[in-house]
């Protein structure tokens, strides 16, 4: 049984930073993973993805240069370092585990992910 548990969300001011963590249990060390977010009244959108080795990453254009995705397979954990936060980054952030193992591809489509965490709220106040 795969479980993903996010942590690290909170309320910050514009320009500040947060680091989200997502711990996986059950499996997942050899799968790509990603972060998505959903703002009130909007659809869930892709934020960032990392391949199972961590060698490849991919970002939504609006977060490039501000967000960094990484993983520590020894700890079965991925991270999302978010710097220079903006009010438009306010959302519930979800981590997800890709359905494909041993692939160095990265996936932006939510359909490529088989498991999801419960989400963590990030609020950026101006």
Foldseek 3Di string as FASTA:
>chain_A
DKAKAKDWADEEAAFAKIKMKIAIPDDFLQWKKFKWWDDPPGDIFGAKIAHSVRPDMDGDPVQPPFWDWGDDSVRRMIMIIGGRDDQVVWTWMKMFTFPDGNDRDIDGDPVRTDDMHPTDTHGYHD
